[in-house]
N, C-alpha and C. Protein backbone atom coordinates (compact mmCIF):
# COMPACT_ATOMS: atom_id res chain seq x y z
N MET A 1 0.67 -1.10 0.06
CA MET A 1 0.05 -0.02 -0.08
C MET A 1 0.99 1.19 0.12
N ASN A 2 0.59 2.20 -0.94
CA ASN A 2 1.47 3.27 -1.21
C ASN A 2 0.78 4.46 -0.61
N ARG A 3 1.40 5.15 0.46
CA ARG A 3 0.67 6.00 0.85
C ARG A 3 1.12 7.49 0.11
N ARG A 4 0.16 8.53 -0.33
CA ARG A 4 0.61 9.44 -0.82
C ARG A 4 0.88 10.61 0.13
N GLN A 5 1.83 11.14 -0.23
CA GLN A 5 2.22 12.69 0.54
C GLN A 5 1.26 13.85 0.28
N PRO A 6 0.92 14.12 1.50
CA PRO A 6 0.03 15.63 1.09
C PRO A 6 0.58 16.55 0.25
N SER A 7 -0.18 17.11 -0.56
CA SER A 7 0.47 18.54 -1.33
C SER A 7 0.56 19.50 -0.46
N VAL A 8 1.31 20.36 -0.70
CA VAL A 8 1.57 21.51 -0.13
C VAL A 8 1.73 22.85 -1.01
N THR A 9 1.41 23.86 -0.60
CA THR A 9 1.25 24.85 -1.34
C THR A 9 2.86 25.38 -1.36
N LEU A 10 3.11 26.45 -2.21
CA LEU A 10 4.71 26.97 -2.19
C LEU A 10 5.04 27.96 -1.16
N LEU A 11 3.72 28.51 -0.45
CA LEU A 11 4.01 29.02 0.56
C LEU A 11 4.45 28.40 1.54
N GLN A 12 3.48 27.36 2.00
CA GLN A 12 3.74 26.32 3.05
C GLN A 12 5.21 25.74 2.97
N ALA A 13 5.80 25.39 1.48
CA ALA A 13 7.16 24.80 1.71
C ALA A 13 7.73 25.71 1.75
N SER A 14 7.89 27.02 1.55
CA SER A 14 8.97 28.10 1.87
C SER A 14 9.08 28.25 3.46
N GLN A 15 7.78 28.21 3.91
CA GLN A 15 7.73 28.33 5.50
C GLN A 15 8.50 27.17 6.20
N ASN A 16 8.63 25.90 5.68
CA ASN A 16 9.21 25.07 6.25
C ASN A 16 10.88 24.95 5.81
N ASN A 17 11.21 25.51 4.86
CA ASN A 17 12.63 25.54 4.21
C ASN A 17 13.32 27.01 4.39
N THR A 18 14.20 27.09 5.24
CA THR A 18 14.84 28.55 5.18
C THR A 18 15.37 29.19 3.96
N SER A 19 16.01 28.10 3.13
CA SER A 19 16.69 28.59 1.97
C SER A 19 15.53 29.19 1.05
N LEU A 20 14.41 28.40 0.75
CA LEU A 20 13.49 28.68 -0.09
C LEU A 20 12.96 29.88 0.46
N ALA A 21 12.67 30.17 1.70
CA ALA A 21 11.85 31.30 2.42
C ALA A 21 12.89 32.49 1.82
N LYS A 22 14.36 32.33 1.86
CA LYS A 22 15.07 33.70 1.66
C LYS A 22 15.14 33.85 0.38
N LEU A 23 14.96 32.90 -0.64
CA LEU A 23 14.97 33.00 -2.02
C LEU A 23 13.43 33.83 -2.43
N MET A 24 12.62 33.20 -1.56
CA MET A 24 11.36 33.96 -2.07
C MET A 24 11.21 35.39 -1.58
N GLU A 25 11.85 35.81 -0.40
CA GLU A 25 11.92 37.12 0.21
C GLU A 25 12.68 37.89 -1.06
N LEU A 26 13.99 37.40 -1.30
CA LEU A 26 14.72 38.17 -2.42
C LEU A 26 14.04 38.54 -3.55
N ASN A 27 13.18 37.23 -4.20
CA ASN A 27 12.34 37.72 -5.28
C ASN A 27 11.20 38.85 -4.94
N ARG A 28 10.77 38.80 -3.80
CA ARG A 28 9.74 39.99 -3.62
C ARG A 28 10.24 41.32 -3.58
N ALA A 29 11.69 41.18 -2.97
CA ALA A 29 12.16 42.46 -2.90
C ALA A 29 12.50 43.19 -4.07
N SER A 30 13.03 42.29 -5.17
CA SER A 30 13.40 42.75 -6.52
C SER A 30 12.14 43.01 -7.23
N LYS A 31 10.98 42.28 -6.99
CA LYS A 31 9.77 43.02 -7.69
C LYS A 31 9.38 43.98 -7.01
N ALA A 32 9.53 44.32 -5.82
CA ALA A 32 9.12 45.38 -5.21
C ALA A 32 9.96 46.87 -5.84
N ARG A 33 11.29 46.56 -6.03
CA ARG A 33 12.13 47.56 -6.68
C ARG A 33 11.75 47.78 -8.19
N LEU A 34 11.39 46.68 -9.03
CA LEU A 34 10.91 46.87 -10.25
C LEU A 34 9.68 47.73 -10.43
N ASP A 35 8.81 47.38 -9.20
CA ASP A 35 7.47 48.31 -9.16
C ASP A 35 7.80 49.55 -9.16
N ALA A 36 8.65 49.77 -8.09
CA ALA A 36 8.76 51.44 -7.68
C ALA A 36 9.33 52.34 -8.93
N ILE A 37 10.16 51.58 -9.81
CA ILE A 37 10.70 52.27 -10.83
C ILE A 37 10.19 51.96 -12.37
N PHE A 38 9.18 51.32 -12.12
CA PHE A 38 8.34 50.92 -13.70
C PHE A 38 7.80 52.16 -14.17
N PRO A 39 7.33 53.20 -13.49
CA PRO A 39 6.90 54.32 -14.03
C PRO A 39 7.77 55.16 -14.73
N LEU A 40 9.07 55.13 -14.38
CA LEU A 40 10.18 55.88 -14.93
C LEU A 40 10.79 55.34 -16.22
N ILE A 41 10.43 54.00 -16.53
CA ILE A 41 10.66 53.31 -17.86
C ILE A 41 9.79 53.73 -18.88
N PRO A 42 10.38 54.18 -20.37
CA PRO A 42 9.31 54.57 -21.11
C PRO A 42 8.79 53.22 -21.64
N ASP A 43 7.40 53.77 -21.93
CA ASP A 43 6.23 52.80 -22.11
C ASP A 43 6.48 51.73 -23.28
N THR A 44 7.29 52.13 -24.26
CA THR A 44 7.88 51.09 -25.55
C THR A 44 8.85 50.14 -24.96
N LEU A 45 9.57 50.53 -23.74
CA LEU A 45 10.71 49.62 -23.21
C LEU A 45 10.21 48.41 -22.17
N ARG A 46 8.99 49.02 -21.42
CA ARG A 46 8.66 47.98 -20.38
C ARG A 46 8.56 46.59 -20.71
N PRO A 47 8.18 46.17 -22.09
CA PRO A 47 8.01 44.88 -22.05
C PRO A 47 9.33 44.30 -22.32
N ASN A 48 10.60 44.89 -22.30
CA ASN A 48 11.93 44.64 -22.42
C ASN A 48 12.48 44.20 -21.12
N VAL A 49 11.84 44.77 -20.07
CA VAL A 49 12.52 44.75 -18.88
C VAL A 49 11.57 43.89 -17.45
N THR A 50 12.58 42.92 -16.98
CA THR A 50 12.29 42.17 -15.56
C THR A 50 12.98 42.15 -14.72
N ALA A 51 12.66 42.19 -13.33
CA ALA A 51 13.28 41.99 -12.24
C ALA A 51 14.32 40.87 -12.19
N GLY A 52 15.47 41.06 -12.01
CA GLY A 52 16.51 40.05 -11.84
C GLY A 52 17.01 39.53 -10.32
N PRO A 53 17.94 39.37 -10.11
CA PRO A 53 18.31 38.90 -8.81
C PRO A 53 18.80 40.18 -7.88
N LEU A 54 18.68 40.11 -6.77
CA LEU A 54 19.07 41.02 -5.64
C LEU A 54 19.91 40.34 -4.81
N ASP A 55 21.28 40.70 -4.94
CA ASP A 55 22.37 40.10 -4.15
C ASP A 55 23.14 41.00 -3.14
N GLU A 56 23.08 41.16 -2.11
CA GLU A 56 23.94 41.86 -1.49
C GLU A 56 23.98 43.57 -1.73
N GLY A 57 23.12 43.79 -2.06
CA GLY A 57 22.49 45.19 -2.47
C GLY A 57 22.80 45.58 -3.81
N VAL A 58 23.37 44.57 -4.69
CA VAL A 58 23.52 44.82 -6.00
C VAL A 58 22.17 44.30 -6.69
N TRP A 59 21.64 44.96 -7.59
CA TRP A 59 19.96 44.60 -7.94
C TRP A 59 20.29 44.58 -9.35
N CYS A 60 19.90 43.47 -10.16
CA CYS A 60 20.07 43.33 -11.56
C CYS A 60 18.65 43.42 -12.27
N LEU A 61 18.68 44.19 -13.48
CA LEU A 61 17.59 44.38 -14.27
C LEU A 61 17.80 43.14 -15.66
N LEU A 62 17.04 42.48 -16.00
CA LEU A 62 17.21 41.83 -17.00
C LEU A 62 16.62 42.42 -18.06
N LEU A 63 17.33 42.34 -19.32
CA LEU A 63 16.72 43.35 -20.54
C LEU A 63 17.01 42.49 -21.71
N THR A 64 16.00 42.70 -22.62
CA THR A 64 16.16 41.58 -23.82
C THR A 64 16.92 42.01 -25.09
N ASN A 65 17.22 43.51 -24.98
CA ASN A 65 18.05 43.80 -26.05
C ASN A 65 19.14 45.00 -25.63
N THR A 66 20.28 45.21 -26.66
CA THR A 66 21.20 46.34 -26.18
C THR A 66 20.70 47.46 -26.33
N THR A 67 19.55 47.87 -27.10
CA THR A 67 18.73 49.07 -27.36
C THR A 67 18.09 49.56 -25.88
N THR A 68 17.64 48.60 -25.34
CA THR A 68 17.03 48.82 -24.01
C THR A 68 18.00 48.99 -23.08
N ALA A 69 19.30 48.34 -23.07
CA ALA A 69 20.19 48.62 -22.20
C ALA A 69 20.74 49.88 -22.41
N ALA A 70 21.05 50.51 -23.38
CA ALA A 70 21.65 51.75 -23.91
C ALA A 70 20.54 52.78 -23.24
N LYS A 71 19.40 52.92 -23.48
CA LYS A 71 18.40 53.94 -22.88
C LYS A 71 18.43 53.81 -21.20
N LEU A 72 18.40 52.52 -20.86
CA LEU A 72 18.22 52.21 -19.23
C LEU A 72 19.53 52.94 -18.34
N ARG A 73 20.52 52.75 -19.30
CA ARG A 73 21.97 53.05 -18.64
C ARG A 73 22.14 54.44 -18.51
N GLN A 74 21.25 55.34 -19.01
CA GLN A 74 20.94 56.69 -18.84
C GLN A 74 20.14 56.99 -17.55
N LEU A 75 19.13 56.19 -17.40
CA LEU A 75 18.14 56.40 -16.36
C LEU A 75 18.54 55.77 -14.94
N VAL A 76 19.54 55.13 -14.93
CA VAL A 76 19.81 54.28 -13.80
C VAL A 76 20.02 55.37 -12.53
N PRO A 77 20.46 56.50 -12.71
CA PRO A 77 20.65 57.66 -11.56
C PRO A 77 19.06 57.98 -11.11
N ALA A 78 18.25 57.98 -12.12
CA ALA A 78 16.82 58.38 -11.83
C ALA A 78 16.27 57.26 -10.86
N PHE A 79 16.56 56.03 -11.47
CA PHE A 79 16.07 54.87 -11.01
C PHE A 79 16.76 54.68 -9.25
N GLU A 80 18.05 54.62 -9.06
CA GLU A 80 18.39 54.89 -7.71
C GLU A 80 17.93 55.85 -6.97
N SER A 81 17.74 56.98 -7.42
CA SER A 81 16.86 58.04 -6.64
C SER A 81 15.40 57.68 -6.20
N GLN A 82 14.75 57.25 -6.96
CA GLN A 82 13.46 56.84 -7.11
C GLN A 82 13.38 55.57 -5.87
N LEU A 83 14.49 54.82 -6.02
CA LEU A 83 14.32 53.60 -4.97
C LEU A 83 14.82 54.20 -3.32
N ARG A 84 15.37 55.04 -3.35
CA ARG A 84 15.96 55.69 -2.14
C ARG A 84 14.65 56.22 -1.40
N VAL A 85 13.92 57.13 -2.31
CA VAL A 85 12.65 57.86 -2.19
C VAL A 85 11.50 56.79 -1.17
N LYS A 86 11.69 55.65 -2.39
CA LYS A 86 10.78 54.53 -1.63
C LYS A 86 11.22 53.87 -0.51
N GLY A 87 12.57 54.28 0.07
CA GLY A 87 12.88 52.96 0.87
C GLY A 87 13.69 51.82 0.54
N LEU A 88 13.94 51.72 -0.71
CA LEU A 88 14.49 50.37 -1.16
C LEU A 88 15.86 50.68 -1.81
N ASP A 89 16.51 51.09 -0.95
CA ASP A 89 17.89 51.32 -1.44
C ASP A 89 18.74 49.84 -2.04
N VAL A 90 19.51 50.51 -2.65
CA VAL A 90 20.41 49.34 -3.35
C VAL A 90 21.99 50.14 -3.64
N LYS A 91 22.93 49.24 -3.51
CA LYS A 91 24.39 49.65 -3.81
C LYS A 91 24.64 50.14 -5.09
N SER A 92 23.91 49.11 -6.12
CA SER A 92 24.17 49.70 -7.65
C SER A 92 23.49 48.73 -8.29
N ILE A 93 22.79 49.00 -9.32
CA ILE A 93 21.82 48.54 -10.16
C ILE A 93 22.77 47.83 -11.59
N ARG A 94 22.49 46.71 -11.81
CA ARG A 94 23.27 46.15 -12.84
C ARG A 94 22.49 45.83 -13.98
N LEU A 95 22.62 46.29 -15.28
CA LEU A 95 21.79 45.88 -16.45
C LEU A 95 22.39 44.78 -17.07
N LYS A 96 21.79 43.77 -17.38
CA LYS A 96 21.87 42.49 -18.02
C LYS A 96 21.24 42.23 -19.33
N ILE A 97 21.72 41.76 -20.08
CA ILE A 97 20.98 41.36 -21.47
C ILE A 97 20.87 39.93 -21.44
N SER A 98 19.57 39.53 -21.28
CA SER A 98 18.98 38.03 -20.86
C SER A 98 18.97 37.48 -22.04
N GLY A 99 18.75 37.99 -23.26
CA GLY A 99 18.54 37.58 -24.68
C GLY A 99 17.30 36.83 -24.74
N SER A 100 16.12 36.80 -23.77
CA SER A 100 14.93 35.97 -24.01
C SER A 100 13.88 37.30 -23.68
N SER A 101 12.93 36.92 -24.55
CA SER A 101 11.70 37.77 -24.56
C SER A 101 10.58 37.17 -23.59
N ARG A 102 10.25 38.13 -22.60
CA ARG A 102 9.30 37.81 -21.62
C ARG A 102 8.39 38.96 -21.58
N PRO A 103 6.90 38.50 -21.74
CA PRO A 103 5.90 39.32 -21.74
C PRO A 103 5.81 39.94 -20.35
N GLY A 104 5.20 41.05 -20.20
CA GLY A 104 4.90 41.75 -19.05
C GLY A 104 5.96 41.95 -18.41
N ARG A 105 5.79 42.17 -16.78
CA ARG A 105 6.76 42.51 -16.06
C ARG A 105 7.52 41.22 -15.32
């Protein structure tokens, strides 16, 4: 007789695993930063930007192409200022071209 393990939600699993809980918190923190700067990103570039990893105060924005990277490089000081205003400080913002297109944020 095989007993099936009860299924658990991701939230339940993360509460029972400190590594997963930390990973989920970093993901939430990264998403909060993207939400804070999203209004500063030109409408036409928004689909090309996703929140990337946040590691020891360095936050990464994942971009789909070099054109987006070139424009956002100019906006990084404004992004950093906006994050400070919102209480979401970062040491630096890194732009990385991920090469994959992702819809939405």
